[in-house]
Amino acid sequence: MLSSIGIPGLILILVIALIIFGPSKLPEIGRAFGNTLKEFKKATNDLISNDKEEKTNFEEKNNRIALEKSEKTETK
């Protein structure tokens, strides 16, 4: 998505932002944007790790049930 903007487009966006917000607000906006991206990345990583944990727990539970069933059939 950002690869299609190019350098001239990026410079134009920065100039427009400078005109709209002024030089004193740009660092605050940039900081807020960076924090937002950091929180989004953290939340995404948490979701991915939770999904992997649930998948692992589900597989372990299925393996344990299969083992119990096989032990019951062996004892009969």
N, C-alpha and C. Protein backbone atom coordinates (compact mmCIF):
# COMPACT_ATOMS: atom_id res chain seq x y z
N MET A 1 0.82 -1.18 0.00
CA MET A 1 0.00 0.00 0.00
C MET A 1 0.87 1.25 0.00
N LEU A 2 1.80 1.34 0.92
CA LEU A 2 2.65 2.53 1.00
C LEU A 2 3.69 2.57 -0.11
N SER A 3 3.97 1.43 -0.73
CA SER A 3 4.98 1.43 -1.79
C SER A 3 4.52 2.18 -3.03
N SER A 4 3.21 2.33 -3.21
CA SER A 4 2.71 3.04 -4.38
C SER A 4 2.70 4.55 -4.20
N ILE A 5 2.94 5.04 -2.98
CA ILE A 5 2.92 6.49 -2.73
C ILE A 5 4.16 7.14 -3.34
N GLY A 6 5.31 6.63 -3.05
CA GLY A 6 6.55 7.19 -3.57
C GLY A 6 7.02 8.39 -2.78
N ILE A 7 8.22 8.84 -3.08
CA ILE A 7 8.84 9.97 -2.37
C ILE A 7 8.08 11.29 -2.61
N PRO A 8 7.73 11.63 -3.84
CA PRO A 8 7.01 12.90 -4.03
C PRO A 8 5.67 12.94 -3.30
N GLY A 9 4.95 11.84 -3.31
CA GLY A 9 3.68 11.78 -2.61
C GLY A 9 3.85 11.92 -1.10
N LEU A 10 4.90 11.28 -0.57
CA LEU A 10 5.18 11.38 0.86
C LEU A 10 5.54 12.80 1.26
N ILE A 11 6.33 13.46 0.44
CA ILE A 11 6.70 14.86 0.72
C ILE A 11 5.46 15.75 0.68
N LEU A 12 4.57 15.51 -0.28
CA LEU A 12 3.33 16.28 -0.38
C LEU A 12 2.47 16.08 0.86
N ILE A 13 2.35 14.86 1.32
CA ILE A 13 1.57 14.59 2.54
C ILE A 13 2.17 15.31 3.74
N LEU A 14 3.49 15.27 3.88
CA LEU A 14 4.15 15.95 5.01
C LEU A 14 3.96 17.46 4.94
N VAL A 15 4.04 18.04 3.75
CA VAL A 15 3.85 19.49 3.60
C VAL A 15 2.41 19.87 3.96
N ILE A 16 1.45 19.08 3.50
CA ILE A 16 0.04 19.37 3.83
C ILE A 16 -0.18 19.25 5.34
N ALA A 17 0.39 18.23 5.96
CA ALA A 17 0.27 18.07 7.41
C ALA A 17 0.91 19.24 8.14
N LEU A 18 2.05 19.71 7.65
CA LEU A 18 2.72 20.86 8.26
C LEU A 18 1.86 22.12 8.15
N ILE A 19 1.21 22.30 7.02
CA ILE A 19 0.34 23.47 6.84
C ILE A 19 -0.88 23.38 7.74
N ILE A 20 -1.49 22.22 7.81
CA ILE A 20 -2.72 22.06 8.59
C ILE A 20 -2.46 22.14 10.09
N PHE A 21 -1.47 21.40 10.58
CA PHE A 21 -1.27 21.28 12.03
C PHE A 21 -0.22 22.23 12.58
N GLY A 22 0.67 22.69 11.77
CA GLY A 22 1.73 23.58 12.25
C GLY A 22 2.90 22.79 12.80
N PRO A 23 4.05 23.46 12.90
CA PRO A 23 5.27 22.74 13.33
C PRO A 23 5.26 22.32 14.79
N SER A 24 4.47 22.95 15.63
CA SER A 24 4.48 22.58 17.05
C SER A 24 3.68 21.31 17.32
N LYS A 25 2.68 21.01 16.50
CA LYS A 25 1.83 19.84 16.72
C LYS A 25 2.35 18.58 16.04
N LEU A 26 3.18 18.72 15.03
CA LEU A 26 3.65 17.54 14.28
C LEU A 26 4.37 16.51 15.15
N PRO A 27 5.28 16.92 16.05
CA PRO A 27 5.91 15.89 16.89
C PRO A 27 4.92 15.14 17.77
N GLU A 28 3.91 15.85 18.28
CA GLU A 28 2.90 15.19 19.11
C GLU A 28 2.08 14.19 18.28
N ILE A 29 1.73 14.60 17.08
CA ILE A 29 0.96 13.72 16.20
C ILE A 29 1.79 12.49 15.82
N GLY A 30 3.04 12.71 15.50
CA GLY A 30 3.92 11.60 15.15
C GLY A 30 4.11 10.63 16.31
N ARG A 31 4.26 11.17 17.51
CA ARG A 31 4.40 10.34 18.71
C ARG A 31 3.13 9.52 18.94
N ALA A 32 1.98 10.17 18.82
CA ALA A 32 0.71 9.48 19.01
C ALA A 32 0.51 8.38 17.96
N PHE A 33 0.89 8.68 16.73
CA PHE A 33 0.78 7.69 15.66
C PHE A 33 1.70 6.50 15.93
N GLY A 34 2.91 6.77 16.37
CA GLY A 34 3.85 5.70 16.70
C GLY A 34 3.35 4.84 17.85
N ASN A 35 2.80 5.47 18.89
CA ASN A 35 2.25 4.70 20.01
C ASN A 35 1.07 3.85 19.57
N THR A 36 0.25 4.40 18.68
CA THR A 36 -0.89 3.64 18.16
C THR A 36 -0.42 2.41 17.41
N LEU A 37 0.58 2.58 16.55
CA LEU A 37 1.12 1.44 15.81
C LEU A 37 1.73 0.40 16.74
N LYS A 38 2.44 0.86 17.78
CA LYS A 38 3.05 -0.06 18.75
C LYS A 38 1.98 -0.87 19.48
N GLU A 39 0.92 -0.22 19.92
CA GLU A 39 -0.17 -0.90 20.62
C GLU A 39 -0.89 -1.88 19.68
N PHE A 40 -1.08 -1.48 18.43
CA PHE A 40 -1.72 -2.37 17.46
C PHE A 40 -0.87 -3.62 17.24
N LYS A 41 0.43 -3.45 17.11
CA LYS A 41 1.32 -4.58 16.91
C LYS A 41 1.31 -5.50 18.12
N LYS A 42 1.32 -4.90 19.32
CA LYS A 42 1.28 -5.70 20.54
C LYS A 42 -0.01 -6.50 20.64
N ALA A 43 -1.14 -5.86 20.33
CA ALA A 43 -2.43 -6.55 20.38
C ALA A 43 -2.49 -7.68 19.36
N THR A 44 -1.95 -7.44 18.18
CA THR A 44 -1.94 -8.46 17.14
C THR A 44 -1.08 -9.65 17.57
N ASN A 45 0.08 -9.38 18.14
CA ASN A 45 0.94 -10.46 18.61
C ASN A 45 0.28 -11.24 19.75
N ASP A 46 -0.43 -10.55 20.63
CA ASP A 46 -1.14 -11.23 21.71
C ASP A 46 -2.22 -12.14 21.16
N LEU A 47 -2.96 -11.67 20.15
CA LEU A 47 -3.99 -12.51 19.55
C LEU A 47 -3.39 -13.74 18.90
N ILE A 48 -2.28 -13.57 18.21
CA ILE A 48 -1.63 -14.69 17.54
C ILE A 48 -1.13 -15.70 18.57
N SER A 49 -0.50 -15.22 19.64
CA SER A 49 0.02 -16.15 20.65
C SER A 49 -1.12 -16.85 21.39
N ASN A 50 -2.23 -16.14 21.65
CA ASN A 50 -3.38 -16.78 22.30
C ASN A 50 -3.97 -17.85 21.40
N ASP A 51 -4.03 -17.58 20.10
CA ASP A 51 -4.56 -18.56 19.16
C ASP A 51 -3.68 -19.80 19.14
N LYS A 52 -2.36 -19.61 19.15
CA LYS A 52 -1.44 -20.75 19.16
C LYS A 52 -1.58 -21.55 20.45
N GLU A 53 -1.75 -20.86 21.59
CA GLU A 53 -1.94 -21.55 22.86
C GLU A 53 -3.21 -22.39 22.85
N GLU A 54 -4.30 -21.81 22.35
CA GLU A 54 -5.57 -22.53 22.30
C GLU A 54 -5.46 -23.75 21.39
N LYS A 55 -4.77 -23.61 20.28
CA LYS A 55 -4.60 -24.73 19.36
C LYS A 55 -3.78 -25.83 20.03
N THR A 56 -2.72 -25.46 20.72
CA THR A 56 -1.89 -26.44 21.41
C THR A 56 -2.68 -27.14 22.50
N ASN A 57 -3.44 -26.38 23.30
CA ASN A 57 -4.25 -26.97 24.36
C ASN A 57 -5.29 -27.92 23.78
N PHE A 58 -5.91 -27.54 22.67
CA PHE A 58 -6.91 -28.38 22.02
C PHE A 58 -6.28 -29.69 21.54
N GLU A 59 -5.10 -29.59 20.93
CA GLU A 59 -4.42 -30.79 20.45
C GLU A 59 -4.01 -31.70 21.60
N GLU A 60 -3.52 -31.11 22.70
CA GLU A 60 -3.15 -31.91 23.86
C GLU A 60 -4.36 -32.62 24.46
N LYS A 61 -5.49 -31.92 24.52
CA LYS A 61 -6.71 -32.51 25.05
C LYS A 61 -7.16 -33.67 24.17
N ASN A 62 -7.13 -33.49 22.85
CA ASN A 62 -7.51 -34.56 21.93
C ASN A 62 -6.58 -35.75 22.05
N ASN A 63 -5.28 -35.49 22.19
CA ASN A 63 -4.32 -36.58 22.35
C ASN A 63 -4.56 -37.34 23.65
N ARG A 64 -4.88 -36.62 24.71
CA ARG A 64 -5.14 -37.25 26.00
C ARG A 64 -6.40 -38.11 25.93
N ILE A 65 -7.44 -37.60 25.27
CA ILE A 65 -8.68 -38.37 25.12
C ILE A 65 -8.44 -39.62 24.29
N ALA A 66 -7.68 -39.49 23.21
CA ALA A 66 -7.37 -40.64 22.37
C ALA A 66 -6.57 -41.68 23.14
N LEU A 67 -5.64 -41.23 23.97
CA LEU A 67 -4.84 -42.14 24.78
C LEU A 67 -5.71 -42.87 25.80
N GLU A 68 -6.62 -42.15 26.43
CA GLU A 68 -7.53 -42.78 27.40
C GLU A 68 -8.42 -43.81 26.72
N LYS A 69 -8.92 -43.49 25.53
CA LYS A 69 -9.76 -44.44 24.80
C LYS A 69 -8.97 -45.68 24.43
N SER A 70 -7.73 -45.49 23.99
CA SER A 70 -6.93 -46.65 23.60
C SER A 70 -6.58 -47.51 24.82
N GLU A 71 -6.37 -46.89 25.97
CA GLU A 71 -6.09 -47.65 27.19
C GLU A 71 -7.31 -48.43 27.63
N LYS A 72 -8.51 -47.86 27.47
CA LYS A 72 -9.74 -48.57 27.83
C LYS A 72 -9.98 -49.76 26.94
N THR A 73 -9.69 -49.63 25.65
CA THR A 73 -9.91 -50.75 24.72
C THR A 73 -8.88 -51.84 24.94
N GLU A 74 -7.70 -51.49 25.40
CA GLU A 74 -6.67 -52.50 25.66
C GLU A 74 -7.00 -53.32 26.90
N THR A 75 -7.62 -52.70 27.89
CA THR A 75 -7.93 -53.40 29.13
C THR A 75 -9.13 -54.33 28.98
N LYS A 76 -9.96 -54.13 27.97
CA LYS A 76 -11.14 -54.98 27.78
C LYS A 76 -10.80 -56.27 27.16
